[in-house]
Amino acid sequence: MRIFISYSTPDIHIVQQLANQLQIYGEVNYWADSKLPGKDAWDSIFNWIDTSDIVIVLITGNTVVRAMSVGQEVGRAKT
């Protein structure tokens, strides 16, 4: 199973804990942990979303600051 986590950067510590718990179920991708040097960020992110079985969106107070990026990831997941 492939899992993608969308989140706000200040919440990376929560995402890392969540990803560690989810790894028993399959491959977990999120931008800060899974950067591929030389690749465009959105190409990588959209690829992870498109090939994921599950997309998890972590919403906290910090998400408001990054609402546009999280919104793009959610929109891509919905399609």
N, C-alpha and C. Protein backbone atom coordinates (compact mmCIF):
# COMPACT_ATOMS: atom_id res chain seq x y z
N MET A 1 0.84 -1.16 0.00
CA MET A 1 0.00 0.00 0.00
C MET A 1 0.90 1.24 0.00
N ARG A 2 0.47 2.25 -0.72
CA ARG A 2 1.21 3.52 -0.77
C ARG A 2 0.39 4.60 -0.09
N ILE A 3 1.06 5.37 0.76
CA ILE A 3 0.41 6.40 1.56
C ILE A 3 1.16 7.71 1.36
N PHE A 4 0.40 8.78 1.12
CA PHE A 4 0.99 10.12 1.01
C PHE A 4 0.42 10.97 2.13
N ILE A 5 1.29 11.76 2.78
CA ILE A 5 0.86 12.67 3.85
C ILE A 5 1.10 14.11 3.41
N SER A 6 0.03 14.89 3.43
CA SER A 6 0.08 16.32 3.15
C SER A 6 0.05 17.04 4.50
N TYR A 7 0.89 18.07 4.66
CA TYR A 7 0.99 18.71 5.97
C TYR A 7 1.64 20.08 5.83
N SER A 8 1.65 20.82 6.92
CA SER A 8 2.34 22.10 6.99
C SER A 8 3.72 21.87 7.60
N THR A 9 4.72 22.51 7.07
CA THR A 9 6.11 22.29 7.48
C THR A 9 6.34 22.34 9.00
N PRO A 10 5.73 23.27 9.74
CA PRO A 10 5.96 23.28 11.19
C PRO A 10 5.50 21.99 11.90
N ASP A 11 4.69 21.19 11.23
CA ASP A 11 4.17 19.96 11.83
C ASP A 11 4.99 18.72 11.48
N ILE A 12 6.23 18.92 11.00
CA ILE A 12 7.04 17.80 10.55
C ILE A 12 7.24 16.76 11.65
N HIS A 13 7.36 17.18 12.89
CA HIS A 13 7.56 16.21 13.98
C HIS A 13 6.35 15.28 14.13
N ILE A 14 5.16 15.81 13.92
CA ILE A 14 3.95 14.98 13.97
C ILE A 14 3.93 14.02 12.78
N VAL A 15 4.28 14.53 11.62
CA VAL A 15 4.29 13.72 10.40
C VAL A 15 5.29 12.57 10.52
N GLN A 16 6.45 12.84 11.06
CA GLN A 16 7.45 11.80 11.22
C GLN A 16 6.95 10.69 12.15
N GLN A 17 6.30 11.06 13.23
CA GLN A 17 5.73 10.06 14.14
C GLN A 17 4.63 9.26 13.45
N LEU A 18 3.76 9.95 12.72
CA LEU A 18 2.69 9.29 11.98
C LEU A 18 3.25 8.34 10.93
N ALA A 19 4.24 8.81 10.18
CA ALA A 19 4.86 7.99 9.13
C ALA A 19 5.49 6.74 9.72
N ASN A 20 6.16 6.88 10.85
CA ASN A 20 6.76 5.71 11.51
C ASN A 20 5.70 4.67 11.86
N GLN A 21 4.55 5.11 12.32
CA GLN A 21 3.47 4.19 12.67
C GLN A 21 2.85 3.55 11.42
N LEU A 22 2.78 4.31 10.34
CA LEU A 22 2.13 3.82 9.11
C LEU A 22 3.01 2.92 8.26
N GLN A 23 4.32 2.93 8.48
CA GLN A 23 5.24 2.15 7.66
C GLN A 23 4.97 0.65 7.71
N ILE A 24 4.31 0.18 8.74
CA ILE A 24 3.99 -1.25 8.80
C ILE A 24 2.93 -1.62 7.76
N TYR A 25 2.22 -0.61 7.24
CA TYR A 25 1.17 -0.86 6.25
C TYR A 25 1.65 -0.68 4.82
N GLY A 26 2.80 -0.04 4.63
CA GLY A 26 3.30 0.16 3.28
C GLY A 26 4.25 1.33 3.17
N GLU A 27 4.45 1.78 1.94
CA GLU A 27 5.37 2.87 1.63
C GLU A 27 4.71 4.20 1.97
N VAL A 28 5.40 5.02 2.74
CA VAL A 28 4.87 6.33 3.15
C VAL A 28 5.73 7.42 2.52
N ASN A 29 5.09 8.37 1.85
CA ASN A 29 5.80 9.49 1.25
C ASN A 29 5.26 10.81 1.79
N TYR A 30 6.18 11.73 2.04
CA TYR A 30 5.85 13.11 2.35
C TYR A 30 7.06 13.93 1.97
N TRP A 31 6.87 15.18 1.59
CA TRP A 31 7.92 15.93 0.92
C TRP A 31 9.21 16.04 1.71
N ALA A 32 9.21 16.43 2.94
CA ALA A 32 10.46 16.69 3.67
C ALA A 32 11.33 15.45 3.81
N ASP A 33 10.71 14.29 3.91
CA ASP A 33 11.47 13.06 4.12
C ASP A 33 11.85 12.39 2.80
N SER A 34 11.13 12.70 1.74
CA SER A 34 11.27 11.92 0.51
C SER A 34 11.76 12.76 -0.67
N LYS A 35 12.52 13.80 -0.42
CA LYS A 35 12.99 14.66 -1.52
C LYS A 35 13.89 13.89 -2.46
N LEU A 36 13.69 14.10 -3.75
CA LEU A 36 14.54 13.51 -4.77
C LEU A 36 15.36 14.64 -5.39
N PRO A 37 16.66 14.66 -5.18
CA PRO A 37 17.49 15.74 -5.71
C PRO A 37 17.32 15.89 -7.23
N GLY A 38 17.21 17.15 -7.67
CA GLY A 38 17.13 17.44 -9.09
C GLY A 38 15.73 17.33 -9.68
N LYS A 39 14.77 16.88 -8.91
CA LYS A 39 13.41 16.76 -9.44
C LYS A 39 12.59 17.94 -8.97
N ASP A 40 11.68 18.37 -9.80
CA ASP A 40 10.78 19.44 -9.45
C ASP A 40 9.85 18.97 -8.33
N ALA A 41 9.66 19.80 -7.33
CA ALA A 41 8.85 19.41 -6.16
C ALA A 41 7.46 18.97 -6.53
N TRP A 42 6.75 19.74 -7.32
CA TRP A 42 5.36 19.39 -7.62
C TRP A 42 5.25 18.13 -8.46
N ASP A 43 6.19 17.90 -9.37
CA ASP A 43 6.17 16.66 -10.13
C ASP A 43 6.28 15.46 -9.20
N SER A 44 7.18 15.53 -8.23
CA SER A 44 7.35 14.44 -7.27
C SER A 44 6.10 14.28 -6.41
N ILE A 45 5.61 15.39 -5.87
CA ILE A 45 4.44 15.34 -5.00
C ILE A 45 3.23 14.79 -5.74
N PHE A 46 2.97 15.31 -6.94
CA PHE A 46 1.81 14.83 -7.70
C PHE A 46 1.96 13.36 -8.07
N ASN A 47 3.16 12.91 -8.36
CA ASN A 47 3.38 11.50 -8.66
C ASN A 47 3.06 10.64 -7.44
N TRP A 48 3.52 11.06 -6.27
CA TRP A 48 3.22 10.31 -5.05
C TRP A 48 1.71 10.26 -4.81
N ILE A 49 1.03 11.39 -5.01
CA ILE A 49 -0.42 11.43 -4.81
C ILE A 49 -1.11 10.51 -5.81
N ASP A 50 -0.73 10.63 -7.08
CA ASP A 50 -1.38 9.84 -8.14
C ASP A 50 -1.20 8.34 -7.93
N THR A 51 -0.11 7.92 -7.32
CA THR A 51 0.14 6.50 -7.15
C THR A 51 -0.20 5.99 -5.74
N SER A 52 -0.76 6.87 -4.92
CA SER A 52 -1.10 6.48 -3.54
C SER A 52 -2.45 5.79 -3.47
N ASP A 53 -2.54 4.86 -2.55
CA ASP A 53 -3.82 4.23 -2.23
C ASP A 53 -4.58 5.07 -1.21
N ILE A 54 -3.83 5.77 -0.36
CA ILE A 54 -4.41 6.61 0.68
C ILE A 54 -3.65 7.93 0.71
N VAL A 55 -4.39 9.05 0.82
CA VAL A 55 -3.80 10.36 1.03
C VAL A 55 -4.33 10.88 2.36
N ILE A 56 -3.41 11.18 3.27
CA ILE A 56 -3.77 11.70 4.58
C ILE A 56 -3.40 13.18 4.61
N VAL A 57 -4.35 14.01 5.05
CA VAL A 57 -4.10 15.44 5.16
C VAL A 57 -4.10 15.78 6.65
N LEU A 58 -2.96 16.20 7.16
CA LEU A 58 -2.84 16.60 8.55
C LEU A 58 -3.21 18.07 8.65
N ILE A 59 -4.30 18.35 9.35
CA ILE A 59 -4.77 19.73 9.47
C ILE A 59 -4.59 20.19 10.91
N THR A 60 -3.78 21.23 11.07
CA THR A 60 -3.56 21.85 12.37
C THR A 60 -3.66 23.36 12.17
N GLY A 61 -3.43 24.12 13.21
CA GLY A 61 -3.41 25.57 13.08
C GLY A 61 -2.35 26.04 12.11
N ASN A 62 -1.30 25.27 11.97
CA ASN A 62 -0.22 25.63 11.04
C ASN A 62 -0.63 25.50 9.58
N THR A 63 -1.65 24.71 9.32
CA THR A 63 -2.07 24.47 7.94
C THR A 63 -2.58 25.74 7.28
N VAL A 64 -3.16 26.64 8.06
CA VAL A 64 -3.69 27.89 7.52
C VAL A 64 -2.59 28.67 6.81
N VAL A 65 -1.39 28.66 7.35
CA VAL A 65 -0.26 29.37 6.75
C VAL A 65 0.10 28.78 5.40
N ARG A 66 -0.07 27.48 5.24
CA ARG A 66 0.31 26.77 4.02
C ARG A 66 -0.92 26.32 3.24
N ALA A 67 -2.03 26.99 3.43
CA ALA A 67 -3.31 26.54 2.88
C ALA A 67 -3.27 26.34 1.37
N MET A 68 -2.58 27.18 0.63
CA MET A 68 -2.58 27.04 -0.82
C MET A 68 -1.91 25.74 -1.25
N SER A 69 -0.77 25.42 -0.69
CA SER A 69 -0.07 24.19 -1.07
C SER A 69 -0.86 22.95 -0.65
N VAL A 70 -1.37 22.96 0.58
CA VAL A 70 -2.18 21.82 1.03
C VAL A 70 -3.42 21.71 0.15
N GLY A 71 -4.02 22.83 -0.20
CA GLY A 71 -5.19 22.82 -1.08
C GLY A 71 -4.88 22.21 -2.44
N GLN A 72 -3.70 22.50 -2.98
CA GLN A 72 -3.30 21.91 -4.26
C GLN A 72 -3.15 20.40 -4.14
N GLU A 73 -2.58 19.94 -3.03
CA GLU A 73 -2.40 18.51 -2.83
C GLU A 73 -3.74 17.81 -2.65
N VAL A 74 -4.64 18.42 -1.90
CA VAL A 74 -5.98 17.84 -1.71
C VAL A 74 -6.73 17.81 -3.04
N GLY A 75 -6.66 18.89 -3.80
CA GLY A 75 -7.32 18.94 -5.10
C GLY A 75 -6.81 17.85 -6.02
N ARG A 76 -5.51 17.63 -6.02
CA ARG A 76 -4.93 16.58 -6.86
C ARG A 76 -5.41 15.21 -6.40
N ALA A 77 -5.46 14.99 -5.08
CA ALA A 77 -5.92 13.71 -4.55
C ALA A 77 -7.39 13.45 -4.92
N LYS A 78 -8.21 14.47 -4.93
CA LYS A 78 -9.62 14.31 -5.26
C LYS A 78 -9.81 13.88 -6.71
N THR A 79 -8.93 14.35 -7.61
CA THR A 79 -9.07 13.98 -9.01
C THR A 79 -8.62 12.56 -9.21
